[in-house]
Amino acid sequence: MNTLPQTLTHDTPESSARRRALHWGCAACFGLGSGFTLAREGVEVGGNSKFSKLVSAGQVEQAAAQQYQKMLQEASAKNALLPADHPQTLRLRAIAQKIIPFSYEWNSRAKDWQWEVNILNSNQINAFCMPGGKIAFYTGILEQLKLTDDEVAMIMGHEVAHALREHARERMGKSAATNIGISLGASLLGLGNTGAQLAGMGGQLLSLKFGREDESEADLVGMELAARAGYNPRAGVSLWQKMGAANKGAPPQFLSTHPSGPTRIKDIEANLPKVEPLYERAKAVKK
C-alpha cells in the first residue's frame, strides 16, 4: 500500500505555514543555538526498552510477516477475509494512509515497512498491528461498537504504536533473556541449545500479550499519531466508553490486559492538551 503523501508542486499559504513550522521545529531540535533543546510537541514516553535489543528487529519483522500471511491465507480459505474493494477495507486503508507518515519519527525502520491493512470477518472485538506494520481489524470491533473514523484512528494509532515502540520485540527479548539463561545453565550439563528456543519465538506474535505499561504507552503515542493525521483525539474518550459498555460490562478481548476504562479515560483526558494543538493544526492544513 502506498503511504507516501504527494509532493506539493506549488506554493500555497498552507505550504508556507508548513515551511515555517518545519523551520521552527528544526530550530527546536538544535536548541536555536542557545545551548538548550526545547521539548518536542506531543507526548513523552521515553526510550525503547533495552530488552528489545536482545532480538533482531529484522528477524522479528520477518517472523511477523510470515505469521500474518499465514493468518490471511487461513481466513481467505474460510471466506473470512474482506476483499480489497470492500467499503470497510477501503475506509481503514485510507485512515492508515494518513497515519503512517507520522510514524517515521517514532521508528526509523517504519519507512521501509511493507504496511498492510486487512479486515477479518469475526465477531471478536479486537484489532492488532504486528511488527513491520501488519495491521488487522475484526468486523466485530467495527460493527458492534459502530466506530466513527476518529475512533478507528484512535484504535489504529494505538496498535501501530505497539509496533513502533517494539513492544513485541521487547517481550520476546525478555523471554530470550530468560530462556538463554536457562539454556546456558543446561548447556553446561550437556542439555539443550539456545538456537532452537530463539527460532521458536516467532510463533508468539499472534498470541503475545502486552503489559499495562505497554498499553498505556501505546494509548499516548497512538493519540498523537491520530491527532497529527487530523483525527480528533477526544474520540478516545467515547471509544473507551463504548469498549467498557461492550459485553454488558465484561471486558472484551481487546481490553483483557489493558488499564481499566476509567483509568484509561482519565489518562487520555490528562494528555489531551499535549495533542489537541497538533489536531487543530492538521485541521487548518486540510482547509
C-alpha atoms as a PDB file:
ATOM      1  CA  MET A   1       0.000   0.000   0.000  1.00  0.00           C
ATOM      2  CA  ASN A   2       1.426   3.388  -0.986  1.00  0.00           C
ATOM      3  CA  THR A   3       1.601   5.502   2.135  1.00  0.00           C
ATOM      4  CA  LEU A   4       3.709   8.420   0.974  1.00  0.00           C
ATOM      5  CA  PRO A   5       1.960  11.815   0.698  1.00  0.00           C
ATOM      6  CA  GLN A   6       2.076  13.541  -2.669  1.00  0.00           C
ATOM      7  CA  THR A   7       4.733  16.229  -3.077  1.00  0.00           C
ATOM      8  CA  LEU A   8       3.421  19.807  -3.285  1.00  0.00           C
ATOM      9  CA  THR A   9       4.285  21.348  -6.643  1.00  0.00           C
ATOM     10  CA  HIS A  10       3.160  24.923  -5.985  1.00  0.00           C
ATOM     11  CA  ASP A  11       3.336  27.419  -3.137  1.00  0.00           C
ATOM     12  CA  THR A  12       0.220  27.978  -1.041  1.00  0.00           C
ATOM     13  CA  PRO A  13      -0.463  29.626   2.342  1.00  0.00           C
ATOM     14  CA  GLU A  14      -0.641  26.137   3.776  1.00  0.00           C
ATOM     15  CA  SER A  15       2.732  25.102   2.344  1.00  0.00           C
ATOM     16  CA  SER A  16       4.270  28.355   3.594  1.00  0.00           C
ATOM     17  CA  ALA A  17       2.896  27.624   7.041  1.00  0.00           C
ATOM     18  CA  ARG A  18       4.354  24.139   6.853  1.00  0.00           C
ATOM     19  CA  ARG A  19       7.776  25.562   5.959  1.00  0.00           C
ATOM     20  CA  ARG A  20       7.636  27.944   8.904  1.00  0.00           C
ATOM     21  CA  ALA A  21       6.593  25.113  11.204  1.00  0.00           C
ATOM     22  CA  LEU A  22       9.437  22.964   9.861  1.00  0.00           C
ATOM     23  CA  HIS A  23      11.910  25.809  10.371  1.00  0.00           C
ATOM     24  CA  TRP A  24      10.912  26.299  13.983  1.00  0.00           C
ATOM     25  CA  GLY A  25      10.719  22.535  14.518  1.00  0.00           C
ATOM     26  CA  CYS A  26      14.302  22.191  13.323  1.00  0.00           C
ATOM     27  CA  ALA A  27      15.326  25.166  15.434  1.00  0.00           C
ATOM     28  CA  ALA A  28      13.809  23.460  18.443  1.00  0.00           C
ATOM     29  CA  CYS A  29      15.707  20.276  17.669  1.00  0.00           C
ATOM     30  CA  PHE A  30      19.022  22.132  17.582  1.00  0.00           C
ATOM     31  CA  GLY A  31      18.270  24.421  20.520  1.00  0.00           C
ATOM     32  CA  LEU A  32      18.258  27.648  18.417  1.00  0.00           C
ATOM     33  CA  GLY A  33      21.984  27.833  19.025  1.00  0.00           C
ATOM     34  CA  SER A  34      21.442  28.868  22.629  1.00  0.00           C
ATOM     35  CA  GLY A  35      22.707  25.730  24.302  1.00  0.00           C
ATOM     36  CA  PHE A  36      19.354  24.172  25.186  1.00  0.00           C
ATOM     37  CA  THR A  37      16.897  21.866  23.463  1.00  0.00           C
ATOM     38  CA  LEU A  38      13.187  22.527  23.528  1.00  0.00           C
ATOM     39  CA  ALA A  39      10.813  19.693  24.366  1.00  0.00           C
ATOM     40  CA  ARG A  40       9.155  18.038  21.386  1.00  0.00           C
ATOM     41  CA  GLU A  41       5.492  18.665  20.734  1.00  0.00           C
ATOM     42  CA  GLY A  42       3.188  15.884  21.764  1.00  0.00           C
ATOM     43  CA  VAL A  43       3.563  13.123  24.310  1.00  0.00           C
ATOM     44  CA  GLU A  44       6.690  11.935  26.087  1.00  0.00           C
ATOM     45  CA  VAL A  45       7.165   8.234  26.760  1.00  0.00           C
ATOM     46  CA  GLY A  46      10.936   7.796  26.974  1.00  0.00           C
ATOM     47  CA  GLY A  47      13.174   5.459  25.026  1.00  0.00           C
ATOM     48  CA  ASN A  48      12.602   1.891  23.918  1.00  0.00           C
ATOM     49  CA  SER A  49      13.373  -0.944  26.316  1.00  0.00           C
ATOM     50  CA  LYS A  50      16.906  -2.345  26.237  1.00  0.00           C
ATOM     51  CA  PHE A  51      15.407  -5.833  26.184  1.00  0.00           C
ATOM     52  CA  SER A  52      14.309  -5.238  22.588  1.00  0.00           C
ATOM     53  CA  LYS A  53      17.979  -5.202  21.564  1.00  0.00           C
ATOM     54  CA  LEU A  54      18.326  -8.876  22.510  1.00  0.00           C
ATOM     55  CA  VAL A  55      16.323  -9.949  19.462  1.00  0.00           C
ATOM     56  CA  SER A  56      16.968  -8.884  15.859  1.00  0.00           C
ATOM     57  CA  ALA A  57      14.368  -6.398  14.593  1.00  0.00           C
ATOM     58  CA  GLY A  58      14.679  -7.852  11.093  1.00  0.00           C
ATOM     59  CA  GLN A  59      14.038 -11.386  12.322  1.00  0.00           C
ATOM     60  CA  VAL A  60      11.012 -10.318  14.365  1.00  0.00           C
ATOM     61  CA  GLU A  61       9.552  -8.436  11.391  1.00  0.00           C
ATOM     62  CA  GLN A  62      10.203 -11.403   9.089  1.00  0.00           C
ATOM     63  CA  ALA A  63       8.510 -13.778  11.513  1.00  0.00           C
ATOM     64  CA  ALA A  64       5.567 -11.372  11.796  1.00  0.00           C
ATOM     65  CA  ALA A  65       5.197 -11.174   8.011  1.00  0.00           C
ATOM     66  CA  GLN A  66       5.121 -14.968   7.794  1.00  0.00           C
ATOM     67  CA  GLN A  67       2.555 -15.286  10.580  1.00  0.00           C
ATOM     68  CA  TYR A  68       0.426 -12.530   9.057  1.00  0.00           C
ATOM     69  CA  GLN A  69       0.377 -14.121   5.615  1.00  0.00           C
ATOM     70  CA  LYS A  70      -0.483 -17.492   7.128  1.00  0.00           C
ATOM     71  CA  MET A  71      -3.359 -15.884   9.005  1.00  0.00           C
ATOM     72  CA  LEU A  72      -4.646 -14.204   5.828  1.00  0.00           C
ATOM     73  CA  GLN A  73      -4.443 -17.452   3.863  1.00  0.00           C
ATOM     74  CA  GLU A  74      -6.391 -19.318   6.524  1.00  0.00           C
ATOM     75  CA  ALA A  75      -9.002 -16.565   6.700  1.00  0.00           C
ATOM     76  CA  SER A  76      -9.332 -16.475   2.916  1.00  0.00           C
ATOM     77  CA  ALA A  77      -9.840 -20.242   2.793  1.00  0.00           C
ATOM     78  CA  LYS A  78     -12.757 -19.802   5.203  1.00  0.00           C
ATOM     79  CA  ASN A  79     -14.170 -16.801   3.286  1.00  0.00           C
ATOM     80  CA  ALA A  80     -13.423 -14.712   6.361  1.00  0.00           C
ATOM     81  CA  LEU A  81     -11.182 -12.122   4.699  1.00  0.00           C
ATOM     82  CA  LEU A  82     -12.883  -8.966   3.434  1.00  0.00           C
ATOM     83  CA  PRO A  83     -11.880  -8.171  -0.178  1.00  0.00           C
ATOM     84  CA  ALA A  84      -9.667  -5.229  -1.046  1.00  0.00           C
ATOM     85  CA  ASP A  85     -12.588  -3.345  -2.612  1.00  0.00           C
ATOM     86  CA  HIS A  86     -14.903  -3.762   0.376  1.00  0.00           C
ATOM     87  CA  PRO A  87     -16.037  -0.338   1.712  1.00  0.00           C
ATOM     88  CA  GLN A  88     -14.696  -1.084   5.191  1.00  0.00           C
ATOM     89  CA  THR A  89     -11.323  -2.190   3.817  1.00  0.00           C
ATOM     90  CA  LEU A  90     -11.075   0.952   1.698  1.00  0.00           C
ATOM     91  CA  ARG A  91     -12.068   3.047   4.716  1.00  0.00           C
ATOM     92  CA  LEU A  92      -9.435   1.584   7.031  1.00  0.00           C
ATOM     93  CA  ARG A  93      -6.692   1.739   4.423  1.00  0.00           C
ATOM     94  CA  ALA A  94      -7.469   5.418   3.833  1.00  0.00           C
ATOM     95  CA  ILE A  95      -7.180   6.109   7.569  1.00  0.00           C
ATOM     96  CA  ALA A  96      -3.904   4.160   7.728  1.00  0.00           C
ATOM     97  CA  GLN A  97      -2.534   6.118   4.798  1.00  0.00           C
ATOM     98  CA  LYS A  98      -2.976   9.331   6.792  1.00  0.00           C
ATOM     99  CA  ILE A  99      -1.470   7.944   9.988  1.00  0.00           C
ATOM    100  CA  ILE A 100       1.555   6.058   8.657  1.00  0.00           C
ATOM    101  CA  PRO A 101       3.685   9.060   7.517  1.00  0.00           C
ATOM    102  CA  PHE A 102       3.672  10.315  11.116  1.00  0.00           C
ATOM    103  CA  SER A 103       5.053   7.013  12.367  1.00  0.00           C
ATOM    104  CA  TYR A 104       8.534   7.579  10.986  1.00  0.00           C
ATOM    105  CA  GLU A 105       9.589   9.913  13.804  1.00  0.00           C
ATOM    106  CA  TRP A 106       8.903   7.136  16.302  1.00  0.00           C
ATOM    107  CA  ASN A 107      10.782   4.372  14.480  1.00  0.00           C
ATOM    108  CA  SER A 108      13.097   4.937  11.511  1.00  0.00           C
ATOM    109  CA  ARG A 109      12.506   1.375  10.281  1.00  0.00           C
ATOM    110  CA  ALA A 110       8.838   2.208   9.634  1.00  0.00           C
ATOM    111  CA  LYS A 111       9.773   3.965   6.385  1.00  0.00           C
ATOM    112  CA  ASP A 112      10.813   0.624   4.916  1.00  0.00           C
ATOM    113  CA  TRP A 113       7.981  -1.498   6.302  1.00  0.00           C
ATOM    114  CA  GLN A 114       5.605  -3.110   3.832  1.00  0.00           C
ATOM    115  CA  TRP A 115       2.472  -1.836   5.531  1.00  0.00           C
ATOM    116  CA  GLU A 116      -0.725  -3.876   5.163  1.00  0.00           C
ATOM    117  CA  VAL A 117      -4.276  -3.363   6.406  1.00  0.00           C
ATOM    118  CA  ASN A 118      -6.842  -6.150   6.280  1.00  0.00           C
ATOM    119  CA  ILE A 119     -10.167  -6.951   7.919  1.00  0.00           C
ATOM    120  CA  LEU A 120     -11.197 -10.378   9.206  1.00  0.00           C
ATOM    121  CA  ASN A 121     -14.846 -11.348   9.362  1.00  0.00           C
ATOM    122  CA  SER A 122     -15.219 -12.271  13.015  1.00  0.00           C
ATOM    123  CA  ASN A 123     -17.408 -11.212  15.936  1.00  0.00           C
ATOM    124  CA  GLN A 124     -14.341 -10.600  18.076  1.00  0.00           C
ATOM    125  CA  ILE A 125     -13.906  -7.055  19.372  1.00  0.00           C
ATOM    126  CA  ASN A 126     -10.246  -6.896  18.511  1.00  0.00           C
ATOM    127  CA  ALA A 127      -7.535  -5.336  16.352  1.00  0.00           C
ATOM    128  CA  PHE A 128      -3.741  -5.509  16.194  1.00  0.00           C
ATOM    129  CA  CYS A 129      -0.609  -4.380  14.387  1.00  0.00           C
ATOM    130  CA  MET A 130       2.227  -6.884  14.189  1.00  0.00           C
ATOM    131  CA  PRO A 131       5.884  -5.836  13.893  1.00  0.00           C
ATOM    132  CA  GLY A 132       6.633  -4.479  10.438  1.00  0.00           C
ATOM    133  CA  GLY A 133       3.278  -2.732  10.041  1.00  0.00           C
ATOM    134  CA  LYS A 134       0.925  -5.695   9.586  1.00  0.00           C
ATOM    135  CA  ILE A 135      -2.483  -4.350  10.669  1.00  0.00           C
ATOM    136  CA  ALA A 136      -5.696  -6.336  11.118  1.00  0.00           C
ATOM    137  CA  PHE A 137      -9.142  -5.351  12.358  1.00  0.00           C
ATOM    138  CA  TYR A 138     -12.052  -7.676  13.103  1.00  0.00           C
ATOM    139  CA  THR A 139     -15.517  -6.814  11.810  1.00  0.00           C
ATOM    140  CA  GLY A 140     -16.786  -7.230  15.372  1.00  0.00           C
ATOM    141  CA  ILE A 141     -14.970  -4.147  16.632  1.00  0.00           C
ATOM    142  CA  LEU A 142     -16.226  -2.050  13.717  1.00  0.00           C
ATOM    143  CA  GLU A 143     -19.825  -3.217  13.712  1.00  0.00           C
ATOM    144  CA  GLN A 144     -20.602  -3.840  17.366  1.00  0.00           C
ATOM    145  CA  LEU A 145     -19.086  -0.562  18.530  1.00  0.00           C
ATOM    146  CA  LYS A 146     -20.242   1.391  15.455  1.00  0.00           C
ATOM    147  CA  LEU A 147     -16.928   3.195  15.286  1.00  0.00           C
ATOM    148  CA  THR A 148     -16.524   6.634  13.768  1.00  0.00           C
ATOM    149  CA  ASP A 149     -13.432   7.390  11.684  1.00  0.00           C
ATOM    150  CA  ASP A 150     -11.952   9.281  14.645  1.00  0.00           C
ATOM    151  CA  GLU A 151     -12.464   6.243  16.891  1.00  0.00           C
ATOM    152  CA  VAL A 152     -10.978   3.895  14.281  1.00  0.00           C
ATOM    153  CA  ALA A 153      -7.962   6.200  14.074  1.00  0.00           C
ATOM    154  CA  MET A 154      -7.520   6.027  17.843  1.00  0.00           C
ATOM    155  CA  ILE A 155      -7.510   2.222  17.760  1.00  0.00           C
ATOM    156  CA  MET A 156      -5.244   2.095  14.725  1.00  0.00           C
ATOM    157  CA  GLY A 157      -2.852   4.616  16.258  1.00  0.00           C
ATOM    158  CA  HIS A 158      -2.748   2.554  19.444  1.00  0.00           C
ATOM    159  CA  GLU A 159      -1.959  -0.672  17.591  1.00  0.00           C
ATOM    160  CA  VAL A 160       0.593   0.960  15.301  1.00  0.00           C
ATOM    161  CA  ALA A 161       2.258   2.404  18.416  1.00  0.00           C
ATOM    162  CA  HIS A 162       2.857  -1.133  19.713  1.00  0.00           C
ATOM    163  CA  ALA A 163       4.809  -1.892  16.531  1.00  0.00           C
ATOM    164  CA  LEU A 164       6.693   1.409  16.542  1.00  0.00           C
ATOM    165  CA  ARG A 165       7.692   1.067  20.182  1.00  0.00           C
ATOM    166  CA  GLU A 166       8.689  -2.562  19.511  1.00  0.00           C
ATOM    167  CA  HIS A 167       6.690  -3.955  22.399  1.00  0.00           C
ATOM    168  CA  ALA A 168       6.587  -7.412  20.837  1.00  0.00           C
ATOM    169  CA  ARG A 169      10.355  -7.350  20.317  1.00  0.00           C
ATOM    170  CA  GLU A 170      10.764  -6.252  23.940  1.00  0.00           C
ATOM    171  CA  ARG A 171       8.593  -9.117  25.207  1.00  0.00           C
ATOM    172  CA  MET A 172      10.484 -11.591  23.048  1.00  0.00           C
ATOM    173  CA  GLY A 173      13.770 -10.125  24.291  1.00  0.00           C
ATOM    174  CA  LYS A 174      12.735 -10.689  27.892  1.00  0.00           C
ATOM    175  CA  SER A 175      11.715 -14.230  27.013  1.00  0.00           C
ATOM    176  CA  ALA A 176      15.019 -14.770  25.228  1.00  0.00           C
ATOM    177  CA  ALA A 177      16.968 -13.474  28.226  1.00  0.00           C
ATOM    178  CA  THR A 178      15.171 -15.935  30.497  1.00  0.00           C
ATOM    179  CA  ASN A 179      15.432 -18.840  28.092  1.00  0.00           C
ATOM    180  CA  ILE A 180      19.064 -18.162  27.281  1.00  0.00           C
ATOM    181  CA  GLY A 181      19.894 -18.091  30.984  1.00  0.00           C
ATOM    182  CA  ILE A 182      18.162 -21.428  31.487  1.00  0.00           C
ATOM    183  CA  SER A 183      19.674 -22.865  28.330  1.00  0.00           C
ATOM    184  CA  LEU A 184      23.202 -21.765  29.178  1.00  0.00           C
ATOM    185  CA  GLY A 185      22.875 -23.468  32.528  1.00  0.00           C
ATOM    186  CA  ALA A 186      21.595 -26.583  30.811  1.00  0.00           C
ATOM    187  CA  SER A 187      24.385 -26.489  28.224  1.00  0.00           C
ATOM    188  CA  LEU A 188      26.972 -26.754  30.986  1.00  0.00           C
ATOM    189  CA  LEU A 189      25.376 -30.121  31.714  1.00  0.00           C
ATOM    190  CA  GLY A 190      25.229 -31.023  28.023  1.00  0.00           C
ATOM    191  CA  LEU A 191      21.492 -30.344  27.707  1.00  0.00           C
ATOM    192  CA  GLY A 192      19.504 -28.267  25.189  1.00  0.00           C
ATOM    193  CA  ASN A 193      20.549 -25.346  22.956  1.00  0.00           C
ATOM    194  CA  THR A 194      19.568 -21.683  22.743  1.00  0.00           C
ATOM    195  CA  GLY A 195      19.202 -21.644  18.960  1.00  0.00           C
ATOM    196  CA  ALA A 196      16.125 -23.833  18.937  1.00  0.00           C
ATOM    197  CA  GLN A 197      14.472 -21.704  21.627  1.00  0.00           C
ATOM    198  CA  LEU A 198      15.168 -18.460  19.779  1.00  0.00           C
ATOM    199  CA  ALA A 199      13.890 -19.914  16.499  1.00  0.00           C
ATOM    200  CA  GLY A 200      10.612 -20.864  18.107  1.00  0.00           C
ATOM    201  CA  MET A 201       9.739 -17.377  19.318  1.00  0.00           C
ATOM    202  CA  GLY A 202       8.143 -16.317  16.031  1.00  0.00           C
ATOM    203  CA  GLY A 203       5.025 -18.256  16.878  1.00  0.00           C
ATOM    204  CA  GLN A 204       4.410 -15.968  19.862  1.00  0.00           C
ATOM    205  CA  LEU A 205       3.456 -12.973  17.759  1.00  0.00           C
ATOM    206  CA  LEU A 206      -0.242 -13.678  17.275  1.00  0.00           C
ATOM    207  CA  SER A 207      -0.819 -14.641  20.901  1.00  0.00           C
ATOM    208  CA  LEU A 208       1.511 -12.139  22.578  1.00  0.00           C
ATOM    209  CA  LYS A 209       0.019 -10.178  25.472  1.00  0.00           C
ATOM    210  CA  PHE A 210       1.334  -6.759  26.426  1.00  0.00           C
ATOM    211  CA  GLY A 211       1.592  -5.413  29.950  1.00  0.00           C
ATOM    212  CA  ARG A 212      -0.341  -2.423  31.240  1.00  0.00           C
ATOM    213  CA  GLU A 213       2.668  -0.146  30.930  1.00  0.00           C
ATOM    214  CA  ASP A 214       2.940  -1.021  27.231  1.00  0.00           C
ATOM    215  CA  GLU A 215      -0.786  -0.445  26.760  1.00  0.00           C
ATOM    216  CA  SER A 216      -0.710   2.951  28.443  1.00  0.00           C
ATOM    217  CA  GLU A 217       2.286   3.964  26.338  1.00  0.00           C
ATOM    218  CA  ALA A 218       0.508   2.836  23.162  1.00  0.00           C
ATOM    219  CA  ASP A 219      -2.533   4.914  24.146  1.00  0.00           C
ATOM    220  CA  LEU A 220      -0.442   8.083  24.346  1.00  0.00           C
ATOM    221  CA  VAL A 221       1.618   7.514  21.200  1.00  0.00           C
ATOM    222  CA  GLY A 222      -1.480   6.390  19.304  1.00  0.00           C
ATOM    223  CA  MET A 223      -3.341   9.518  20.386  1.00  0.00           C
ATOM    224  CA  GLU A 224      -0.566  11.672  18.999  1.00  0.00           C
ATOM    225  CA  LEU A 225      -0.403   9.772  15.707  1.00  0.00           C
ATOM    226  CA  ALA A 226      -4.150  10.139  15.191  1.00  0.00           C
ATOM    227  CA  ALA A 227      -4.103  13.843  16.100  1.00  0.00           C
ATOM    228  CA  ARG A 228      -1.243  14.598  13.699  1.00  0.00           C
ATOM    229  CA  ALA A 229      -3.192  12.777  10.969  1.00  0.00           C
ATOM    230  CA  GLY A 230      -6.194  15.044  11.527  1.00  0.00           C
ATOM    231  CA  TYR A 231      -8.371  12.829  13.724  1.00  0.00           C
ATOM    232  CA  ASN A 232      -9.953  14.196  16.887  1.00  0.00           C
ATOM    233  CA  PRO A 233      -8.085  12.763  19.910  1.00  0.00           C
ATOM    234  CA  ARG A 234     -11.166  13.365  22.077  1.00  0.00           C
ATOM    235  CA  ALA A 235     -12.649  10.365  20.298  1.00  0.00           C
ATOM    236  CA  GLY A 236     -10.526   8.296  22.670  1.00  0.00           C
ATOM    237  CA  VAL A 237     -12.984   9.082  25.449  1.00  0.00           C
ATOM    238  CA  SER A 238     -16.073   7.926  23.537  1.00  0.00           C
ATOM    239  CA  LEU A 239     -14.141   4.913  22.217  1.00  0.00           C
ATOM    240  CA  TRP A 240     -13.230   3.568  25.636  1.00  0.00           C
ATOM    241  CA  GLN A 241     -16.713   4.295  26.926  1.00  0.00           C
ATOM    242  CA  LYS A 242     -18.010   2.061  24.138  1.00  0.00           C
ATOM    243  CA  MET A 243     -15.381  -0.541  24.952  1.00  0.00           C
ATOM    244  CA  GLY A 244     -16.349  -0.541  28.608  1.00  0.00           C
ATOM    245  CA  ALA A 245     -20.019  -0.995  27.733  1.00  0.00           C
ATOM    246  CA  ALA A 246     -19.322  -3.913  25.379  1.00  0.00           C
ATOM    247  CA  ASN A 247     -20.394  -7.385  26.524  1.00  0.00           C
ATOM    248  CA  LYS A 248     -22.527  -5.926  29.336  1.00  0.00           C
ATOM    249  CA  GLY A 249     -19.587  -4.605  31.281  1.00  0.00           C
ATOM    250  CA  ALA A 250     -17.316  -7.623  30.855  1.00  0.00           C
ATOM    251  CA  PRO A 251     -14.043  -6.509  29.234  1.00  0.00           C
ATOM    252  CA  PRO A 252     -13.758  -7.695  25.621  1.00  0.00           C
ATOM    253  CA  GLN A 253     -10.611  -9.444  24.425  1.00  0.00           C
ATOM    254  CA  PHE A 254      -9.182  -6.118  23.299  1.00  0.00           C
ATOM    255  CA  LEU A 255      -9.217  -4.894  26.895  1.00  0.00           C
ATOM    256  CA  SER A 256      -8.061  -8.063  28.624  1.00  0.00           C
ATOM    257  CA  THR A 257      -4.614  -6.740  29.548  1.00  0.00           C
ATOM    258  CA  HIS A 258      -5.378  -3.039  29.250  1.00  0.00           C
ATOM    259  CA  PRO A 259      -5.804  -0.487  32.026  1.00  0.00           C
ATOM    260  CA  SER A 260      -9.366  -0.160  33.296  1.00  0.00           C
ATOM    261  CA  GLY A 261     -11.749   2.062  31.353  1.00  0.00           C
ATOM    262  CA  PRO A 262     -11.927   4.881  33.941  1.00  0.00           C
ATOM    263  CA  THR A 263      -8.120   4.903  34.310  1.00  0.00           C
ATOM    264  CA  ARG A 264      -7.635   4.988  30.570  1.00  0.00           C
ATOM    265  CA  ILE A 265     -10.140   7.813  30.057  1.00  0.00           C
ATOM    266  CA  LYS A 266      -8.530   9.812  32.870  1.00  0.00           C
ATOM    267  CA  ASP A 267      -5.080   9.409  31.267  1.00  0.00           C
ATOM    268  CA  ILE A 268      -6.412  10.379  27.847  1.00  0.00           C
ATOM    269  CA  GLU A 269      -8.101  13.499  29.197  1.00  0.00           C
ATOM    270  CA  ALA A 270      -4.936  14.470  31.091  1.00  0.00           C
ATOM    271  CA  ASN A 271      -2.883  14.296  27.884  1.00  0.00           C
ATOM    272  CA  LEU A 272      -5.361  15.976  25.539  1.00  0.00           C
ATOM    273  CA  PRO A 273      -3.708  19.410  25.965  1.00  0.00           C
ATOM    274  CA  LYS A 274      -0.494  17.935  24.546  1.00  0.00           C
ATOM    275  CA  VAL A 275      -2.087  16.656  21.332  1.00  0.00           C
ATOM    276  CA  GLU A 276      -5.077  18.904  20.639  1.00  0.00           C
ATOM    277  CA  PRO A 277      -2.849  21.671  19.157  1.00  0.00           C
ATOM    278  CA  LEU A 278      -1.498  19.060  16.710  1.00  0.00           C
ATOM    279  CA  TYR A 279      -5.056  18.157  15.721  1.00  0.00           C
ATOM    280  CA  GLU A 280      -6.068  21.810  15.269  1.00  0.00           C
ATOM    281  CA  ARG A 281      -3.007  22.406  13.105  1.00  0.00           C
ATOM    282  CA  ALA A 282      -3.794  19.346  10.984  1.00  0.00           C
ATOM    283  CA  LYS A 283      -7.359  20.583  10.502  1.00  0.00           C
ATOM    284  CA  ALA A 284      -6.087  24.017   9.448  1.00  0.00           C
ATOM    285  CA  VAL A 285      -3.799  22.477   6.834  1.00  0.00           C
ATOM    286  CA  LYS A 286      -6.723  20.472   5.399  1.00  0.00           C
ATOM    287  CA  LYS A 287      -8.850  23.589   4.816  1.00  0.00           C
END
